[in-house]
């Protein structure tokens, strides 16, 4: 059984957002706008994406 994954792309700059939200974006491994990461679909990752949903796009 293969693990489920999510493609997360940073679409908006975290400049001017809360410090905790900037840390969450870095925690997802995103540094540059339009950078995409493929992450494992876990409750922890889902929670991080929900927290910064206004900065990222998920496929």
PDB file of N, CA and C in Angstrom:
ATOM      1  N   UNK A   1       0.841  -1.187   0.000  1.00  0.00           N
ATOM      2  CA  UNK A   1       0.000   0.000   0.000  1.00  0.00           C
ATOM      3  C   UNK A   1       0.888   1.253   0.000  1.00  0.00           C
ATOM      4  N   UNK A   2       0.675   2.113  -0.997  1.00  0.00           N
ATOM      5  CA  UNK A   2       1.500   3.324  -1.053  1.00  0.00           C
ATOM      6  C   UNK A   2       0.936   4.397  -0.122  1.00  0.00           C
ATOM      7  N   UNK A   3       1.849   5.242   0.361  1.00  0.00           N
ATOM      8  CA  UNK A   3       1.434   6.290   1.284  1.00  0.00           C
ATOM      9  C   UNK A   3       0.783   7.432   0.517  1.00  0.00           C
ATOM     10  N   UNK A   4      -0.251   8.027   1.114  1.00  0.00           N
ATOM     11  CA  UNK A   4      -0.922   9.164   0.490  1.00  0.00           C
ATOM     12  C   UNK A   4      -0.037  10.405   0.637  1.00  0.00           C
ATOM     13  N   UNK A   5      -0.011  11.227  -0.419  1.00  0.00           N
ATOM     14  CA  UNK A   5       0.805  12.434  -0.383  1.00  0.00           C
ATOM     15  C   UNK A   5      -0.017  13.646  -0.791  1.00  0.00           C
ATOM     16  N   UNK A   6       0.471  14.808  -0.422  1.00  0.00           N
ATOM     17  CA  UNK A   6      -0.139  16.084  -0.779  1.00  0.00           C
ATOM     18  C   UNK A   6       0.921  16.944  -1.439  1.00  0.00           C
ATOM     19  N   UNK A   7       0.538  17.661  -2.501  1.00  0.00           N
ATOM     20  CA  UNK A   7       1.445  18.630  -3.128  1.00  0.00           C
ATOM     21  C   UNK A   7       1.070  19.996  -2.589  1.00  0.00           C
ATOM     22  N   UNK A   8       2.019  20.645  -1.916  1.00  0.00           N
ATOM     23  CA  UNK A   8       1.773  21.946  -1.301  1.00  0.00           C
ATOM     24  C   UNK A   8       2.649  22.977  -1.991  1.00  0.00           C
ATOM     25  N   UNK A   9       2.036  24.077  -2.434  1.00  0.00           N
ATOM     26  CA  UNK A   9       2.753  25.150  -3.127  1.00  0.00           C
ATOM     27  C   UNK A   9       2.547  26.458  -2.382  1.00  0.00           C
ATOM     28  N   UNK A  10       3.635  27.190  -2.163  1.00  0.00           N
ATOM     29  CA  UNK A  10       3.553  28.508  -1.530  1.00  0.00           C
ATOM     30  C   UNK A  10       3.124  29.507  -2.598  1.00  0.00           C
ATOM     31  N   UNK A  11       1.963  30.172  -2.403  1.00  0.00           N
ATOM     32  CA  UNK A  11       1.450  31.089  -3.422  1.00  0.00           C
ATOM     33  C   UNK A  11       1.455  32.543  -2.958  1.00  0.00           C
ATOM     34  N   UNK A  12       1.645  32.782  -1.675  1.00  0.00           N
ATOM     35  CA  UNK A  12       1.620  34.149  -1.151  1.00  0.00           C
ATOM     36  C   UNK A  12       2.778  34.293  -0.175  1.00  0.00           C
ATOM     37  N   UNK A  13       3.390  35.478  -0.161  1.00  0.00           N
ATOM     38  CA  UNK A  13       4.546  35.712   0.692  1.00  0.00           C
ATOM     39  C   UNK A  13       4.160  35.723   2.175  1.00  0.00           C
ATOM     40  N   UNK A  14       4.945  35.051   3.019  1.00  0.00           N
ATOM     41  CA  UNK A  14       4.678  35.069   4.462  1.00  0.00           C
ATOM     42  C   UNK A  14       5.170  36.340   5.152  1.00  0.00           C
ATOM     43  N   UNK A  15       5.757  37.277   4.391  1.00  0.00           N
ATOM     44  CA  UNK A  15       6.205  38.544   4.986  1.00  0.00           C
ATOM     45  C   UNK A  15       4.984  39.291   5.523  1.00  0.00           C
ATOM     46  N   UNK A  16       5.107  39.794   6.732  1.00  0.00           N
ATOM     47  CA  UNK A  16       4.006  40.550   7.317  1.00  0.00           C
ATOM     48  C   UNK A  16       2.967  39.692   8.010  1.00  0.00           C
ATOM     49  N   UNK A  17       3.193  38.379   8.052  1.00  0.00           N
ATOM     50  CA  UNK A  17       2.272  37.488   8.758  1.00  0.00           C
ATOM     51  C   UNK A  17       2.842  37.206  10.150  1.00  0.00           C
ATOM     52  N   UNK A  18       2.074  36.501  10.954  1.00  0.00           N
ATOM     53  CA  UNK A  18       2.523  36.175  12.308  1.00  0.00           C
ATOM     54  C   UNK A  18       3.784  35.323  12.272  1.00  0.00           C
ATOM     55  N   UNK A  19       4.609  35.510  13.295  1.00  0.00           N
ATOM     56  CA  UNK A  19       5.856  34.741  13.410  1.00  0.00           C
ATOM     57  C   UNK A  19       5.567  33.236  13.379  1.00  0.00           C
ATOM     58  N   UNK A  20       4.513  32.801  14.079  1.00  0.00           N
ATOM     59  CA  UNK A  20       4.192  31.364  14.126  1.00  0.00           C
ATOM     60  C   UNK A  20       3.792  30.850  12.743  1.00  0.00           C
ATOM     61  N   UNK A  21       3.144  31.697  11.936  1.00  0.00           N
ATOM     62  CA  UNK A  21       2.753  31.274  10.590  1.00  0.00           C
ATOM     63  C   UNK A  21       3.981  31.175   9.682  1.00  0.00           C
ATOM     64  N   UNK A  22       4.932  32.108   9.843  1.00  0.00           N
ATOM     65  CA  UNK A  22       6.177  32.020   9.059  1.00  0.00           C
ATOM     66  C   UNK A  22       6.928  30.743   9.427  1.00  0.00           C
ATOM     67  N   UNK A  23       6.951  30.411  10.707  1.00  0.00           N
ATOM     68  CA  UNK A  23       7.637  29.193  11.158  1.00  0.00           C
ATOM     69  C   UNK A  23       6.941  27.950  10.600  1.00  0.00           C
ATOM     70  N   UNK A  24       5.616  27.991  10.508  1.00  0.00           N
ATOM     71  CA  UNK A  24       4.863  26.854   9.970  1.00  0.00           C
ATOM     72  C   UNK A  24       5.181  26.653   8.493  1.00  0.00           C
ATOM     73  N   UNK A  25       5.268  27.755   7.727  1.00  0.00           N
ATOM     74  CA  UNK A  25       5.617  27.658   6.306  1.00  0.00           C
ATOM     75  C   UNK A  25       7.002  27.031   6.154  1.00  0.00           C
ATOM     76  N   UNK A  26       7.964  27.466   6.978  1.00  0.00           N
ATOM     77  CA  UNK A  26       9.302  26.863   6.938  1.00  0.00           C
ATOM     78  C   UNK A  26       9.250  25.392   7.341  1.00  0.00           C
ATOM     79  N   UNK A  27       8.397  25.079   8.319  1.00  0.00           N
ATOM     80  CA  UNK A  27       8.238  23.698   8.772  1.00  0.00           C
ATOM     81  C   UNK A  27       7.718  22.786   7.673  1.00  0.00           C
ATOM     82  N   UNK A  28       6.931  23.365   6.765  1.00  0.00           N
ATOM     83  CA  UNK A  28       6.440  22.595   5.610  1.00  0.00           C
ATOM     84  C   UNK A  28       7.513  22.473   4.530  1.00  0.00           C
ATOM     85  N   UNK A  29       8.647  23.158   4.740  1.00  0.00           N
ATOM     86  CA  UNK A  29       9.757  23.075   3.796  1.00  0.00           C
ATOM     87  C   UNK A  29       9.648  24.044   2.637  1.00  0.00           C
ATOM     88  N   UNK A  30       8.856  25.113   2.815  1.00  0.00           N
ATOM     89  CA  UNK A  30       8.659  26.080   1.732  1.00  0.00           C
ATOM     90  C   UNK A  30       9.430  27.358   2.034  1.00  0.00           C
ATOM     91  N   UNK A  31      10.271  27.777   1.086  1.00  0.00           N
ATOM     92  CA  UNK A  31      11.076  28.984   1.281  1.00  0.00           C
ATOM     93  C   UNK A  31      10.756  30.054   0.253  1.00  0.00           C
ATOM     94  N   UNK A  32      10.485  29.650  -0.993  1.00  0.00           N
ATOM     95  CA  UNK A  32      10.261  30.617  -2.068  1.00  0.00           C
ATOM     96  C   UNK A  32       8.842  30.497  -2.598  1.00  0.00           C
ATOM     97  N   UNK A  33       8.317  31.611  -3.114  1.00  0.00           N
ATOM     98  CA  UNK A  33       6.988  31.592  -3.719  1.00  0.00           C
ATOM     99  C   UNK A  33       7.019  30.686  -4.946  1.00  0.00           C
ATOM    100  N   UNK A  34       5.951  29.946  -5.165  1.00  0.00           N
ATOM    101  CA  UNK A  34       5.778  28.947  -6.231  1.00  0.00           C
ATOM    102  C   UNK A  34       6.646  27.705  -6.032  1.00  0.00           C
ATOM    103  N   UNK A  35       7.282  27.574  -4.867  1.00  0.00           N
ATOM    104  CA  UNK A  35       8.016  26.345  -4.554  1.00  0.00           C
ATOM    105  C   UNK A  35       6.994  25.289  -4.149  1.00  0.00           C
ATOM    106  N   UNK A  36       7.160  24.065  -4.632  1.00  0.00           N
ATOM    107  CA  UNK A  36       6.227  22.983  -4.349  1.00  0.00           C
ATOM    108  C   UNK A  36       6.941  21.860  -3.622  1.00  0.00           C
ATOM    109  N   UNK A  37       6.270  21.318  -2.633  1.00  0.00           N
ATOM    110  CA  UNK A  37       6.795  20.169  -1.897  1.00  0.00           C
ATOM    111  C   UNK A  37       5.736  19.075  -1.895  1.00  0.00           C
ATOM    112  N   UNK A  38       6.188  17.821  -1.987  1.00  0.00           N
ATOM    113  CA  UNK A  38       5.288  16.683  -1.863  1.00  0.00           C
ATOM    114  C   UNK A  38       5.471  16.128  -0.458  1.00  0.00           C
ATOM    115  N   UNK A  39       4.400  16.199   0.338  1.00  0.00           N
ATOM    116  CA  UNK A  39       4.467  15.805   1.738  1.00  0.00           C
ATOM    117  C   UNK A  39       3.517  14.646   2.024  1.00  0.00           C
ATOM    118  N   UNK A  40       3.874  13.844   3.015  1.00  0.00           N
ATOM    119  CA  UNK A  40       3.024  12.742   3.439  1.00  0.00           C
ATOM    120  C   UNK A  40       1.743  13.289   4.068  1.00  0.00           C
ATOM    121  N   UNK A  41       0.625  12.637   3.787  1.00  0.00           N
ATOM    122  CA  UNK A  41      -0.667  13.084   4.300  1.00  0.00           C
ATOM    123  C   UNK A  41      -0.879  12.562   5.724  1.00  0.00           C
ATOM    124  N   UNK A  42      -0.421  13.355   6.702  1.00  0.00           N
ATOM    125  CA  UNK A  42      -0.593  12.981   8.105  1.00  0.00           C
ATOM    126  C   UNK A  42      -1.413  14.064   8.800  1.00  0.00           C
ATOM    127  N   UNK A  43      -2.017  13.756   9.952  1.00  0.00           N
ATOM    128  CA  UNK A  43      -2.775  14.777  10.681  1.00  0.00           C
ATOM    129  C   UNK A  43      -1.929  16.004  11.023  1.00  0.00           C
ATOM    130  N   UNK A  44      -0.645  15.808  11.327  1.00  0.00           N
ATOM    131  CA  UNK A  44       0.228  16.931  11.665  1.00  0.00           C
ATOM    132  C   UNK A  44       0.407  17.856  10.466  1.00  0.00           C
ATOM    133  N   UNK A  45       0.665  17.282   9.296  1.00  0.00           N
ATOM    134  CA  UNK A  45       0.844  18.075   8.083  1.00  0.00           C
ATOM    135  C   UNK A  45      -0.466  18.775   7.726  1.00  0.00           C
ATOM    136  N   UNK A  46      -1.593  18.062   7.856  1.00  0.00           N
ATOM    137  CA  UNK A  46      -2.899  18.666   7.586  1.00  0.00           C
ATOM    138  C   UNK A  46      -3.141  19.880   8.477  1.00  0.00           C
ATOM    139  N   UNK A  47      -2.787  19.761   9.750  1.00  0.00           N
ATOM    140  CA  UNK A  47      -2.967  20.864  10.686  1.00  0.00           C
ATOM    141  C   UNK A  47      -2.117  22.067  10.313  1.00  0.00           C
ATOM    142  N   UNK A  48      -0.879  21.808   9.876  1.00  0.00           N
ATOM    143  CA  UNK A  48       0.009  22.899   9.459  1.00  0.00           C
ATOM    144  C   UNK A  48      -0.554  23.597   8.222  1.00  0.00           C
ATOM    145  N   UNK A  49      -1.091  22.808   7.284  1.00  0.00           N
ATOM    146  CA  UNK A  49      -1.667  23.387   6.067  1.00  0.00           C
ATOM    147  C   UNK A  49      -2.904  24.218   6.416  1.00  0.00           C
ATOM    148  N   UNK A  50      -3.744  23.728   7.334  1.00  0.00           N
ATOM    149  CA  UNK A  50      -4.937  24.480   7.743  1.00  0.00           C
ATOM    150  C   UNK A  50      -4.546  25.808   8.367  1.00  0.00           C
ATOM    151  N   UNK A  51      -3.472  25.815   9.135  1.00  0.00           N
ATOM    152  CA  UNK A  51      -3.038  27.031   9.824  1.00  0.00           C
ATOM    153  C   UNK A  51      -2.620  28.117   8.834  1.00  0.00           C
ATOM    154  N   UNK A  52      -1.966  27.734   7.745  1.00  0.00           N
ATOM    155  CA  UNK A  52      -1.479  28.727   6.772  1.00  0.00           C
ATOM    156  C   UNK A  52      -2.179  28.557   5.421  1.00  0.00           C
ATOM    157  N   UNK A  53      -3.447  28.160   5.459  1.00  0.00           N
ATOM    158  CA  UNK A  53      -4.184  27.862   4.222  1.00  0.00           C
ATOM    159  C   UNK A  53      -4.278  29.065   3.293  1.00  0.00           C
ATOM    160  N   UNK A  54      -4.198  30.281   3.849  1.00  0.00           N
ATOM    161  CA  UNK A  54      -4.288  31.486   3.032  1.00  0.00           C
ATOM    162  C   UNK A  54      -2.974  31.793   2.300  1.00  0.00           C
ATOM    163  N   UNK A  55      -1.919  31.058   2.601  1.00  0.00           N
ATOM    164  CA  UNK A  55      -0.620  31.260   1.947  1.00  0.00           C
ATOM    165  C   UNK A  55      -0.278  30.157   0.958  1.00  0.00           C
ATOM    166  N   UNK A  56      -0.943  29.003   1.064  1.00  0.00           N
ATOM    167  CA  UNK A  56      -0.559  27.846   0.256  1.00  0.00           C
ATOM    168  C   UNK A  56      -1.730  27.330  -0.593  1.00  0.00           C
ATOM    169  N   UNK A  57      -1.362  26.553  -1.612  1.00  0.00           N
ATOM    170  CA  UNK A  57      -2.325  25.860  -2.460  1.00  0.00           C
ATOM    171  C   UNK A  57      -2.009  24.367  -2.353  1.00  0.00           C
ATOM    172  N   UNK A  58      -3.046  23.550  -2.221  1.00  0.00           N
ATOM    173  CA  UNK A  58      -2.852  22.111  -2.035  1.00  0.00           C
ATOM    174  C   UNK A  58      -3.477  21.360  -3.208  1.00  0.00           C
ATOM    175  N   UNK A  59      -2.737  20.373  -3.729  1.00  0.00           N
ATOM    176  CA  UNK A  59      -3.264  19.511  -4.816  1.00  0.00           C
ATOM    177  C   UNK A  59      -3.277  18.078  -4.348  1.00  0.00           C
TER     178      UNK A  59
END
